[in-house]
Amino acid sequence: MKLWACLAALPLASVVEADRLIQAPTGKKIPLGVFRIEHVLASDIDGRYETYVGMGLTREFDAELTLDRDFGKLRDASANFAYNYVDPIADTNPGLSAGVQDAFDRTKSGRRFFLAATFRSSVSGYELFNTPMETSLGLTIGSRWAMMPMVAVWLPMNSRFRLLLEAEGGRVRMGFELTTIRSLTFRWVQLDRQSYWVVGTTQRL
């Protein structure tokens, strides 16, 4: 399997927050001054791929542009927006966020408003290097379905390898994530009976 591209990255001093796990929203945000880009490629390489470009706009707000391409031509575009009321602190208080995904109602899942809380739990073990486990709980209500509960789990195996699991209504998504040097991240995810490879990076502006 050959990935669509490799991205150049600048090192970051710490692990960057994320406003979503795979697709499920979390009670976190992209920090102010941080820029994130991800390319998502289907494992069957049918010529379609998605690009996500996110950025922390203020200390409370972030935004993400989503682009759906077919053999390089833009098929559709939408955006995600979130407001983060408070950041999560391990074993102390959850992070709380509210916002909207697919604000322009262009994707299969449609426009979804959400409220999410993320709990960080300390995990013992030398290889984890103080990397906490994260559990996100919330509700989503969409243009194409009624209110749905949501849960997402980010489980570190060591400081660079994590397992991903989320469920939103009757939809279950899973995968793993590997962070290499210079903050380059690779993911494999299973979504709607289709597997995807994701390559992404973050930079401080």
Protein backbone atom coordinates (compact mmCIF):
# COMPACT_ATOMS: atom_id res chain seq x y z
CA MET A 1 0.00 0.00 0.00
CA LYS A 2 1.41 3.31 -1.06
CA LEU A 3 0.19 6.41 0.73
CA TRP A 4 -0.88 9.39 -1.36
CA ALA A 5 1.71 11.74 0.05
CA CYS A 6 4.17 12.44 2.83
CA LEU A 7 3.93 15.82 4.49
CA ALA A 8 6.73 17.98 5.79
CA ALA A 9 6.34 18.86 9.47
CA LEU A 10 7.83 21.14 12.06
CA PRO A 11 8.41 19.74 15.57
CA LEU A 12 6.04 20.65 18.36
CA ALA A 13 6.92 20.93 22.01
CA SER A 14 3.95 18.81 23.12
CA VAL A 15 1.15 16.60 21.87
CA VAL A 16 -1.35 18.71 19.96
CA GLU A 17 -4.99 18.74 20.98
CA ALA A 18 -7.66 17.60 18.51
CA ASP A 19 -11.26 18.66 18.10
CA ARG A 20 -12.33 15.17 16.95
CA LEU A 21 -11.09 11.61 17.31
CA ILE A 22 -11.92 9.93 13.98
CA GLN A 23 -15.17 11.72 13.25
CA ALA A 24 -16.70 11.96 16.71
CA PRO A 25 -16.24 15.40 18.33
CA THR A 26 -14.34 15.76 21.60
CA GLY A 27 -14.23 18.24 24.45
CA LYS A 28 -10.92 19.65 23.20
CA LYS A 29 -9.76 22.05 20.49
CA ILE A 30 -6.91 22.87 18.16
CA PRO A 31 -4.84 25.40 20.16
CA LEU A 32 -4.45 28.99 19.07
CA GLY A 33 -1.56 29.31 16.63
CA VAL A 34 -1.60 25.65 15.61
CA PHE A 35 -2.32 24.49 12.04
CA ARG A 36 -3.26 20.87 11.22
CA ILE A 37 -3.62 19.12 7.85
CA GLU A 38 -4.74 15.54 7.14
CA HIS A 39 -5.17 13.54 3.93
CA VAL A 40 -7.58 10.57 4.00
CA LEU A 41 -7.21 7.89 1.32
CA ALA A 42 -9.45 4.84 0.85
CA SER A 43 -7.55 1.55 0.93
CA ASP A 44 -8.92 0.51 -2.47
CA ILE A 45 -7.43 3.69 -4.06
CA ASP A 46 -10.50 4.58 -6.11
CA GLY A 47 -9.18 8.04 -6.89
CA ARG A 48 -11.16 9.81 -4.18
CA TYR A 49 -9.58 11.32 -1.11
CA GLU A 50 -10.42 13.89 1.53
CA THR A 51 -8.37 16.71 2.97
CA TYR A 52 -8.96 18.30 6.38
CA VAL A 53 -7.35 21.64 7.23
CA GLY A 54 -7.89 22.86 10.80
CA MET A 55 -6.68 25.81 12.85
CA GLY A 56 -7.12 27.34 16.29
CA LEU A 57 -8.70 30.75 15.69
CA THR A 58 -8.75 32.03 19.29
CA ARG A 59 -8.23 30.52 22.73
CA GLU A 60 -11.83 29.23 22.61
CA PHE A 61 -12.71 28.72 18.92
CA ASP A 62 -11.32 26.48 16.20
CA ALA A 63 -12.39 25.73 12.63
CA GLU A 64 -11.71 23.01 10.08
CA LEU A 65 -12.20 23.04 6.31
CA THR A 66 -13.09 19.69 4.68
CA LEU A 67 -12.40 19.05 0.98
CA ASP A 68 -13.64 16.00 -0.96
CA ARG A 69 -11.62 15.36 -4.14
CA ASP A 70 -11.92 12.92 -7.03
CA PHE A 71 -8.74 12.40 -9.06
CA GLY A 72 -7.58 15.86 -7.98
CA LYS A 73 -10.83 17.66 -8.81
CA LEU A 74 -12.81 19.24 -5.98
CA ARG A 75 -16.17 17.47 -5.54
CA ASP A 76 -17.44 19.19 -2.43
CA ALA A 77 -16.41 21.30 0.55
CA SER A 78 -17.74 21.99 4.03
CA ALA A 79 -16.52 23.16 7.44
CA ASN A 80 -16.53 22.28 11.14
CA PHE A 81 -16.65 24.85 13.95
CA ALA A 82 -16.27 24.37 17.71
CA TYR A 83 -16.27 26.41 20.91
CA ASN A 84 -14.23 25.04 23.80
CA TYR A 85 -15.49 26.16 27.20
CA VAL A 86 -12.70 24.55 29.24
CA ASP A 87 -9.70 22.32 28.50
CA PRO A 88 -9.47 18.85 30.10
CA ILE A 89 -7.08 18.36 33.04
CA ALA A 90 -6.06 14.79 33.84
CA ASP A 91 -7.91 13.31 36.84
CA THR A 92 -9.34 16.75 37.68
CA ASN A 93 -11.94 18.16 35.29
CA PRO A 94 -13.27 17.30 31.82
CA GLY A 95 -12.92 19.46 28.74
CA LEU A 96 -16.21 20.80 27.39
CA SER A 97 -16.94 21.77 23.79
CA ALA A 98 -19.95 22.57 21.59
CA GLY A 99 -20.16 23.16 17.88
CA VAL A 100 -21.24 21.97 14.46
CA GLN A 101 -19.76 19.48 11.99
CA ASP A 102 -20.44 19.74 8.25
CA ALA A 103 -21.89 23.21 8.67
CA PHE A 104 -22.83 23.37 4.96
CA ASP A 105 -24.66 19.99 5.07
CA ARG A 106 -22.66 18.40 2.23
CA THR A 107 -21.51 15.00 3.59
CA LYS A 108 -23.23 11.63 3.91
CA SER A 109 -23.71 12.16 7.64
CA GLY A 110 -25.08 15.68 7.15
CA ARG A 111 -24.93 18.71 9.43
CA ARG A 112 -24.50 17.71 13.08
CA PHE A 113 -24.62 19.90 16.19
CA PHE A 114 -22.81 18.46 19.18
CA LEU A 115 -22.00 18.80 22.87
CA ALA A 116 -18.97 16.81 24.08
CA ALA A 117 -17.02 16.25 27.29
CA THR A 118 -13.53 14.70 27.35
CA PHE A 119 -12.12 13.03 30.47
CA ARG A 120 -8.38 12.43 30.84
CA SER A 121 -7.22 9.58 33.06
CA SER A 122 -3.62 8.97 34.07
CA VAL A 123 -2.23 5.61 32.94
CA SER A 124 0.77 4.09 34.71
CA GLY A 125 3.68 2.58 32.81
CA TYR A 126 7.18 3.70 31.88
CA GLU A 127 6.55 3.49 28.12
CA LEU A 128 3.58 5.88 28.29
CA PHE A 129 5.68 8.87 29.41
CA ASN A 130 2.71 10.53 31.14
CA THR A 131 0.43 10.06 28.10
CA PRO A 132 -3.14 9.92 29.49
CA MET A 133 -6.10 7.88 28.29
CA GLU A 134 -8.99 9.99 27.00
CA THR A 135 -12.70 9.18 27.00
CA SER A 136 -15.18 11.50 25.31
CA LEU A 137 -18.93 11.42 25.91
CA GLY A 138 -21.54 13.53 24.21
CA LEU A 139 -24.65 14.04 22.15
CA THR A 140 -25.10 14.86 18.47
CA ILE A 141 -28.24 15.94 16.66
CA GLY A 142 -28.21 16.06 12.89
CA SER A 143 -30.08 17.15 9.81
CA ARG A 144 -30.46 13.48 8.85
CA TRP A 145 -31.10 11.83 12.22
CA ALA A 146 -32.48 12.52 15.68
CA MET A 147 -30.39 13.02 18.80
CA MET A 148 -27.72 10.34 19.21
CA PRO A 149 -25.35 9.47 22.09
CA MET A 150 -21.64 9.41 21.30
CA VAL A 151 -18.57 7.85 22.95
CA ALA A 152 -14.93 7.96 21.84
CA VAL A 153 -11.85 6.38 23.43
CA TRP A 154 -8.20 7.28 22.80
CA LEU A 155 -6.08 4.55 24.41
CA PRO A 156 -2.26 4.93 24.44
CA MET A 157 -0.17 1.76 24.21
CA ASN A 158 3.04 3.81 24.50
CA SER A 159 4.06 7.40 23.83
CA ARG A 160 3.70 7.00 20.04
CA PHE A 161 1.07 4.30 19.41
CA ARG A 162 -2.64 4.65 20.27
CA LEU A 163 -5.82 2.67 19.71
CA LEU A 164 -8.94 4.55 18.56
CA LEU A 165 -12.58 3.56 19.10
CA GLU A 166 -15.77 5.57 18.75
CA ALA A 167 -19.49 4.94 18.46
CA GLU A 168 -22.14 7.43 17.38
CA GLY A 169 -25.63 6.03 17.42
CA GLY A 170 -25.36 2.71 15.58
CA ARG A 171 -22.13 3.59 13.75
CA VAL A 172 -18.88 2.17 15.13
CA ARG A 173 -15.45 3.33 13.97
CA MET A 174 -12.06 2.00 15.05
CA GLY A 175 -8.40 2.14 14.16
CA PHE A 176 -4.89 2.91 15.38
CA GLU A 177 -2.58 5.90 15.30
CA LEU A 178 1.21 6.10 15.09
CA THR A 179 3.12 9.33 15.67
CA THR A 180 6.62 9.40 14.19
CA ILE A 181 9.38 11.96 14.51
CA ARG A 182 8.66 15.60 13.63
CA SER A 183 4.96 15.18 14.56
CA LEU A 184 4.05 13.20 11.45
CA THR A 185 1.05 10.97 12.24
CA PHE A 186 -0.23 7.90 10.40
CA ARG A 187 -3.63 6.33 11.01
CA TRP A 188 -5.55 3.30 9.81
CA VAL A 189 -9.28 3.52 10.45
CA GLN A 190 -12.31 1.35 9.71
CA LEU A 191 -15.41 3.34 8.83
CA ASP A 192 -18.69 2.15 7.30
CA ARG A 193 -17.15 -1.20 6.19
CA GLN A 194 -14.35 0.64 4.40
CA SER A 195 -10.77 1.03 5.62
CA TYR A 196 -8.79 4.24 5.19
CA TRP A 197 -5.22 5.43 5.57
CA VAL A 198 -4.67 8.88 7.03
CA VAL A 199 -1.46 10.90 7.01
CA GLY A 200 -1.30 14.21 8.84
CA THR A 201 0.86 16.74 10.55
CA THR A 202 0.65 19.81 12.79
CA GLN A 203 2.64 23.02 12.83
CA ARG A 204 2.85 26.07 15.01
CA LEU A 205 2.41 29.27 13.03
